[in-house]
C-alpha atoms as a PDB file:
ATOM      1  CA  MET A   1     -23.538  -3.383 -43.973  1.00  0.00           C
ATOM      2  CA  ASN A   2     -24.631  -6.490 -42.147  1.00  0.00           C
ATOM      3  CA  ARG A   3     -23.089  -9.916 -42.297  1.00  0.00           C
ATOM      4  CA  LYS A   4     -24.328 -13.166 -40.890  1.00  0.00           C
ATOM      5  CA  ASP A   5     -22.360 -14.497 -37.956  1.00  0.00           C
ATOM      6  CA  ARG A   6     -21.111 -18.012 -38.732  1.00  0.00           C
ATOM      7  CA  GLU A   7     -22.165 -19.384 -35.367  1.00  0.00           C
ATOM      8  CA  GLY A   8     -25.689 -18.138 -34.897  1.00  0.00           C
ATOM      9  CA  ASP A   9     -26.953 -16.376 -38.015  1.00  0.00           C
ATOM     10  CA  GLN A  10     -27.159 -13.158 -36.000  1.00  0.00           C
ATOM     11  CA  PRO A  11     -26.439  -9.957 -37.944  1.00  0.00           C
ATOM     12  CA  VAL A  12     -23.074  -8.406 -37.122  1.00  0.00           C
ATOM     13  CA  THR A  13     -22.655  -4.682 -37.576  1.00  0.00           C
ATOM     14  CA  SER A  14     -19.575  -3.643 -39.502  1.00  0.00           C
ATOM     15  CA  PRO A  15     -16.947  -1.539 -37.678  1.00  0.00           C
ATOM     16  CA  ALA A  16     -17.675   1.355 -40.037  1.00  0.00           C
ATOM     17  CA  ALA A  17     -21.224   1.511 -38.687  1.00  0.00           C
ATOM     18  CA  CYS A  18     -19.861   2.118 -35.164  1.00  0.00           C
ATOM     19  CA  VAL A  19     -18.004   5.271 -36.173  1.00  0.00           C
ATOM     20  CA  THR A  20     -19.774   8.567 -35.551  1.00  0.00           C
ATOM     21  CA  LEU A  21     -19.005  10.386 -38.762  1.00  0.00           C
ATOM     22  CA  PRO A  22     -18.016  14.023 -38.864  1.00  0.00           C
ATOM     23  CA  PRO A  23     -20.428  16.035 -40.926  1.00  0.00           C
ATOM     24  CA  ALA A  24     -19.333  16.399 -44.502  1.00  0.00           C
ATOM     25  CA  PRO A  25     -18.211  19.972 -45.097  1.00  0.00           C
ATOM     26  CA  VAL A  26     -21.195  21.943 -46.387  1.00  0.00           C
ATOM     27  CA  VAL A  27     -22.097  24.870 -48.622  1.00  0.00           C
ATOM     28  CA  GLY A  28     -19.409  26.512 -50.646  1.00  0.00           C
ATOM     29  CA  ALA A  29     -18.187  26.916 -54.166  1.00  0.00           C
ATOM     30  CA  GLY A  30     -15.608  24.666 -55.752  1.00  0.00           C
ATOM     31  CA  ALA A  31     -15.297  21.486 -57.701  1.00  0.00           C
ATOM     32  CA  VAL A  32     -15.845  18.248 -55.857  1.00  0.00           C
ATOM     33  CA  PRO A  33     -12.896  15.937 -56.456  1.00  0.00           C
ATOM     34  CA  THR A  34     -13.480  12.484 -57.832  1.00  0.00           C
ATOM     35  CA  PHE A  35     -12.991   9.567 -55.505  1.00  0.00           C
ATOM     36  CA  ASP A  36      -9.929   8.492 -57.525  1.00  0.00           C
ATOM     37  CA  GLN A  37      -8.349  11.910 -56.984  1.00  0.00           C
ATOM     38  CA  LEU A  38      -9.203  11.827 -53.287  1.00  0.00           C
ATOM     39  CA  PHE A  39      -7.751   8.332 -52.946  1.00  0.00           C
ATOM     40  CA  HIS A  40      -4.489   8.967 -54.813  1.00  0.00           C
ATOM     41  CA  GLU A  41      -3.842  12.288 -53.071  1.00  0.00           C
ATOM     42  CA  ASN A  42      -4.468  10.924 -49.568  1.00  0.00           C
ATOM     43  CA  ILE A  43      -3.610   7.206 -49.399  1.00  0.00           C
ATOM     44  CA  HIS A  44      -0.123   7.657 -47.955  1.00  0.00           C
ATOM     45  CA  TYR A  45      -1.295  10.407 -45.621  1.00  0.00           C
ATOM     46  CA  VAL A  46      -4.144   8.237 -44.293  1.00  0.00           C
ATOM     47  CA  GLY A  47      -1.889   5.230 -43.659  1.00  0.00           C
ATOM     48  CA  ARG A  48       0.745   7.306 -41.879  1.00  0.00           C
ATOM     49  CA  THR A  49      -1.822   9.167 -39.799  1.00  0.00           C
ATOM     50  CA  LEU A  50      -3.591   5.970 -38.732  1.00  0.00           C
ATOM     51  CA  ARG A  51      -0.296   4.394 -37.643  1.00  0.00           C
ATOM     52  CA  TYR A  52       0.619   7.399 -35.518  1.00  0.00           C
ATOM     53  CA  LEU A  53      -2.890   7.534 -34.065  1.00  0.00           C
ATOM     54  CA  GLY A  54      -2.400   4.050 -32.644  1.00  0.00           C
ATOM     55  CA  VAL A  55      -3.792   1.653 -35.215  1.00  0.00           C
ATOM     56  CA  ALA A  56      -1.781  -1.563 -35.013  1.00  0.00           C
ATOM     57  CA  GLU A  57       0.289  -2.378 -38.087  1.00  0.00           C
ATOM     58  CA  ALA A  58      -1.758  -5.534 -38.658  1.00  0.00           C
ATOM     59  CA  SER A  59      -4.941  -3.435 -38.829  1.00  0.00           C
ATOM     60  CA  VAL A  60      -3.709  -0.453 -40.875  1.00  0.00           C
ATOM     61  CA  GLU A  61      -4.917  -1.798 -44.235  1.00  0.00           C
ATOM     62  CA  ASP A  62      -8.382  -2.507 -42.855  1.00  0.00           C
ATOM     63  CA  ALA A  63      -8.517   0.913 -41.199  1.00  0.00           C
ATOM     64  CA  CYS A  64      -7.423   2.613 -44.446  1.00  0.00           C
ATOM     65  CA  GLN A  65     -10.138   0.771 -46.304  1.00  0.00           C
ATOM     66  CA  GLU A  66     -12.665   1.835 -43.668  1.00  0.00           C
ATOM     67  CA  VAL A  67     -11.589   5.496 -44.009  1.00  0.00           C
ATOM     68  CA  PHE A  68     -11.966   5.414 -47.776  1.00  0.00           C
ATOM     69  CA  VAL A  69     -15.299   3.580 -47.626  1.00  0.00           C
ATOM     70  CA  ILE A  70     -16.609   6.366 -45.386  1.00  0.00           C
ATOM     71  CA  LEU A  71     -15.143   9.058 -47.641  1.00  0.00           C
ATOM     72  CA  HIS A  72     -16.589   7.386 -50.740  1.00  0.00           C
ATOM     73  CA  ARG A  73     -20.004   7.135 -49.151  1.00  0.00           C
ATOM     74  CA  ARG A  74     -19.953  10.787 -47.995  1.00  0.00           C
ATOM     75  CA  LEU A  75     -18.193  12.350 -51.016  1.00  0.00           C
ATOM     76  CA  LYS A  76     -21.466  13.096 -52.790  1.00  0.00           C
ATOM     77  CA  ASP A  77     -22.358  15.366 -49.821  1.00  0.00           C
ATOM     78  CA  TYR A  78     -19.018  17.178 -49.881  1.00  0.00           C
ATOM     79  CA  GLN A  79     -19.032  20.864 -50.638  1.00  0.00           C
ATOM     80  CA  GLU A  80     -15.824  22.772 -49.954  1.00  0.00           C
ATOM     81  CA  VAL A  81     -15.765  24.880 -46.780  1.00  0.00           C
ATOM     82  CA  GLY A  82     -12.461  24.072 -45.147  1.00  0.00           C
ATOM     83  CA  THR A  83      -9.781  21.945 -46.641  1.00  0.00           C
ATOM     84  CA  LEU A  84     -10.485  18.490 -47.938  1.00  0.00           C
ATOM     85  CA  ARG A  85      -7.441  17.273 -45.979  1.00  0.00           C
ATOM     86  CA  ALA A  86      -9.055  18.467 -42.713  1.00  0.00           C
ATOM     87  CA  TRP A  87     -12.144  16.394 -43.488  1.00  0.00           C
ATOM     88  CA  VAL A  88     -10.005  13.336 -44.296  1.00  0.00           C
ATOM     89  CA  ARG A  89      -8.100  13.899 -41.034  1.00  0.00           C
ATOM     90  CA  GLN A  90     -11.343  13.948 -39.015  1.00  0.00           C
ATOM     91  CA  VAL A  91     -12.399  10.620 -40.487  1.00  0.00           C
ATOM     92  CA  CYS A  92      -8.919   9.182 -39.709  1.00  0.00           C
ATOM     93  CA  VAL A  93      -9.180  10.254 -36.064  1.00  0.00           C
ATOM     94  CA  LEU A  94     -12.609   8.656 -35.716  1.00  0.00           C
ATOM     95  CA  VAL A  95     -11.604   5.404 -37.418  1.00  0.00           C
ATOM     96  CA  ALA A  96      -8.405   5.181 -35.325  1.00  0.00           C
ATOM     97  CA  HIS A  97     -10.437   5.711 -32.167  1.00  0.00           C
ATOM     98  CA  ASN A  98     -12.845   2.965 -33.237  1.00  0.00           C
ATOM     99  CA  GLN A  99      -9.962   0.590 -34.077  1.00  0.00           C
ATOM    100  CA  ARG A 100      -8.287   1.155 -30.699  1.00  0.00           C
ATOM    101  CA  ARG A 101     -11.586   0.565 -28.912  1.00  0.00           C
ATOM    102  CA  THR A 102     -12.145  -2.658 -30.861  1.00  0.00           C
ATOM    103  CA  VAL A 103      -8.656  -3.944 -30.002  1.00  0.00           C
ATOM    104  CA  ARG A 104      -9.214  -3.162 -26.303  1.00  0.00           C
ATOM    105  CA  ARG A 105     -12.438  -5.152 -26.382  1.00  0.00           C
ATOM    106  CA  ARG A 106     -10.735  -8.134 -27.998  1.00  0.00           C
ATOM    107  CA  ARG A 107      -7.796  -7.930 -25.587  1.00  0.00           C
ATOM    108  CA  GLU A 108      -5.421  -9.498 -28.022  1.00  0.00           C
ATOM    109  CA  ASP A 109      -1.859  -8.468 -28.709  1.00  0.00           C
ATOM    110  CA  VAL A 110      -1.848  -7.938 -32.453  1.00  0.00           C
ATOM    111  CA  ARG A 111       1.912  -7.365 -32.513  1.00  0.00           C
ATOM    112  CA  GLY A 112       2.973 -10.712 -31.097  1.00  0.00           C
ATOM    113  CA  ASP A 113       6.583 -11.802 -31.191  1.00  0.00           C
ATOM    114  CA  LEU A 114       7.500 -11.528 -34.831  1.00  0.00           C
ATOM    115  CA  PRO A 115      10.878 -12.787 -36.018  1.00  0.00           C
ATOM    116  CA  GLU A 116      13.612 -10.196 -36.553  1.00  0.00           C
ATOM    117  CA  PRO A 117      13.545  -9.197 -40.224  1.00  0.00           C
ATOM    118  CA  SER A 118      16.756  -9.869 -42.096  1.00  0.00           C
ATOM    119  CA  ALA A 119      18.434  -6.950 -43.818  1.00  0.00           C
ATOM    120  CA  LEU A 120      21.226  -6.521 -46.299  1.00  0.00           C
ATOM    121  CA  PRO A 121      24.076  -4.183 -45.231  1.00  0.00           C
ATOM    122  CA  GLU A 122      22.957  -1.381 -47.577  1.00  0.00           C
ATOM    123  CA  GLN A 123      19.532  -1.444 -45.914  1.00  0.00           C
ATOM    124  CA  GLN A 124      20.955  -0.560 -42.496  1.00  0.00           C
ATOM    125  CA  ARG A 125      19.637   3.024 -42.617  1.00  0.00           C
ATOM    126  CA  ASP A 126      16.105   1.822 -43.441  1.00  0.00           C
ATOM    127  CA  VAL A 127      16.265  -0.691 -40.602  1.00  0.00           C
ATOM    128  CA  GLU A 128      17.413   1.995 -38.156  1.00  0.00           C
ATOM    129  CA  LEU A 129      14.616   4.318 -39.272  1.00  0.00           C
ATOM    130  CA  GLY A 130      12.139   1.475 -38.830  1.00  0.00           C
ATOM    131  CA  GLN A 131      13.423   0.858 -35.322  1.00  0.00           C
ATOM    132  CA  LEU A 132      13.085   4.559 -34.481  1.00  0.00           C
ATOM    133  CA  ARG A 133       9.504   4.535 -35.776  1.00  0.00           C
ATOM    134  CA  GLU A 134       8.748   1.489 -33.622  1.00  0.00           C
ATOM    135  CA  ARG A 135      10.183   3.249 -30.560  1.00  0.00           C
ATOM    136  CA  LEU A 136       8.064   6.298 -31.321  1.00  0.00           C
ATOM    137  CA  ARG A 137       4.959   4.127 -31.661  1.00  0.00           C
ATOM    138  CA  ALA A 138       5.802   2.411 -28.356  1.00  0.00           C
ATOM    139  CA  VAL A 139       6.064   5.811 -26.664  1.00  0.00           C
ATOM    140  CA  LEU A 140       2.798   6.935 -28.279  1.00  0.00           C
ATOM    141  CA  ASP A 141       1.088   3.707 -27.164  1.00  0.00           C
ATOM    142  CA  GLU A 142       1.674   4.760 -23.554  1.00  0.00           C
ATOM    143  CA  LEU A 143      -0.337   7.974 -23.990  1.00  0.00           C
ATOM    144  CA  PRO A 144      -4.062   8.183 -23.258  1.00  0.00           C
ATOM    145  CA  ALA A 145      -6.013   8.362 -26.539  1.00  0.00           C
ATOM    146  CA  GLN A 146      -7.024  12.018 -26.253  1.00  0.00           C
ATOM    147  CA  GLN A 147      -3.460  13.134 -25.480  1.00  0.00           C
ATOM    148  CA  ARG A 148      -2.094  10.961 -28.266  1.00  0.00           C
ATOM    149  CA  ASP A 149      -4.463  12.462 -30.834  1.00  0.00           C
ATOM    150  CA  VAL A 150      -3.425  16.019 -29.933  1.00  0.00           C
ATOM    151  CA  PHE A 151       0.284  15.131 -29.840  1.00  0.00           C
ATOM    152  CA  VAL A 152       0.215  13.371 -33.221  1.00  0.00           C
ATOM    153  CA  LEU A 153      -1.779  16.068 -34.979  1.00  0.00           C
ATOM    154  CA  PHE A 154       0.336  18.931 -33.570  1.00  0.00           C
ATOM    155  CA  GLU A 155       3.860  17.494 -33.273  1.00  0.00           C
ATOM    156  CA  ILE A 156       3.916  14.979 -36.142  1.00  0.00           C
ATOM    157  CA  GLU A 157       1.342  16.247 -38.644  1.00  0.00           C
ATOM    158  CA  GLY A 158       2.229  19.916 -38.010  1.00  0.00           C
ATOM    159  CA  LEU A 159      -1.282  21.297 -37.576  1.00  0.00           C
ATOM    160  CA  THR A 160      -1.879  24.515 -35.686  1.00  0.00           C
ATOM    161  CA  MET A 161      -3.595  24.193 -32.308  1.00  0.00           C
ATOM    162  CA  VAL A 162      -6.710  25.839 -33.768  1.00  0.00           C
ATOM    163  CA  GLU A 163      -6.825  23.106 -36.438  1.00  0.00           C
ATOM    164  CA  VAL A 164      -6.181  20.410 -33.821  1.00  0.00           C
ATOM    165  CA  ALA A 165      -9.025  21.674 -31.627  1.00  0.00           C
ATOM    166  CA  ALA A 166     -11.365  21.850 -34.626  1.00  0.00           C
ATOM    167  CA  THR A 167     -10.404  18.350 -35.800  1.00  0.00           C
ATOM    168  CA  LEU A 168     -10.980  16.858 -32.349  1.00  0.00           C
ATOM    169  CA  SER A 169     -14.049  19.012 -31.618  1.00  0.00           C
ATOM    170  CA  CYS A 170     -12.670  20.228 -28.301  1.00  0.00           C
ATOM    171  CA  PRO A 171     -12.027  23.692 -26.818  1.00  0.00           C
ATOM    172  CA  LEU A 172      -8.668  25.254 -27.680  1.00  0.00           C
ATOM    173  CA  GLN A 173      -7.531  25.353 -24.037  1.00  0.00           C
ATOM    174  CA  THR A 174      -8.381  21.664 -23.631  1.00  0.00           C
ATOM    175  CA  ALA A 175      -6.228  20.869 -26.658  1.00  0.00           C
ATOM    176  CA  TYR A 176      -3.335  22.879 -25.171  1.00  0.00           C
ATOM    177  CA  SER A 177      -3.747  21.093 -21.829  1.00  0.00           C
ATOM    178  CA  ARG A 178      -3.707  17.667 -23.507  1.00  0.00           C
ATOM    179  CA  LEU A 179      -0.615  18.633 -25.513  1.00  0.00           C
ATOM    180  CA  HIS A 180       1.199  19.803 -22.379  1.00  0.00           C
ATOM    181  CA  SER A 181       0.404  16.530 -20.579  1.00  0.00           C
ATOM    182  CA  ALA A 182       1.356  14.452 -23.626  1.00  0.00           C
ATOM    183  CA  ARG A 183       4.700  16.243 -24.003  1.00  0.00           C
ATOM    184  CA  ALA A 184       5.522  15.598 -20.349  1.00  0.00           C
ATOM    185  CA  ARG A 185       4.714  11.886 -20.718  1.00  0.00           C
ATOM    186  CA  VAL A 186       6.662  11.575 -23.981  1.00  0.00           C
ATOM    187  CA  ARG A 187       9.649  13.355 -22.450  1.00  0.00           C
ATOM    188  CA  ALA A 188       9.604  10.936 -19.474  1.00  0.00           C
ATOM    189  CA  GLN A 189       9.303   7.902 -21.794  1.00  0.00           C
ATOM    190  CA  VAL A 190      12.178   9.087 -23.990  1.00  0.00           C
ATOM    191  CA  GLN A 191      14.377   9.671 -20.932  1.00  0.00           C
ATOM    192  CA  GLU A 192      13.593   6.121 -19.796  1.00  0.00           C
ATOM    193  CA  LEU A 193      14.560   4.750 -23.219  1.00  0.00           C
ATOM    194  CA  VAL A 194      17.788   6.767 -23.303  1.00  0.00           C
ATOM    195  CA  GLY A 195      18.663   5.647 -19.775  1.00  0.00           C
ATOM    196  CA  GLN A 196      18.381   1.963 -20.661  1.00  0.00           C
END
């Protein structure tokens, strides 16, 4: 997908073109789901996973769209080998990595100083949960990308280390090492937050 740049009529490559796609699972028996089924079964999972993998809230919708564009484009090649969710997860990891890289290049703070949202008294629990999620994201933002990916997939998404290593295409021992380092950093960050 190319667009014309407003300033110089130079083609601009879309962010989806910068993502190295995981191979679509190949050879196996089973019915290929429709895109509608894939979308409805995974939309909440994709959004949650992208947030925990470091995609800024302001970019989550665009990243979700990018994930589903890739899945739509590659669905015709899908033939069940592993789980469909594992394939979706791989695309999420790659899109999140691409989004984080793009934000680093732009060097802009997409969070900014937003006004405190107002809440009715009965919404206090939701507000507190939102604040806890924000603290978790702040702690995760401090992790290097590779450690963050392992931590999120193992600790938050509940994958086994074998699945984590396969998703990230790294050796099992490397995944364990990254998890150990990430846990130590998270523990230190949480102790700092508690000490404040």
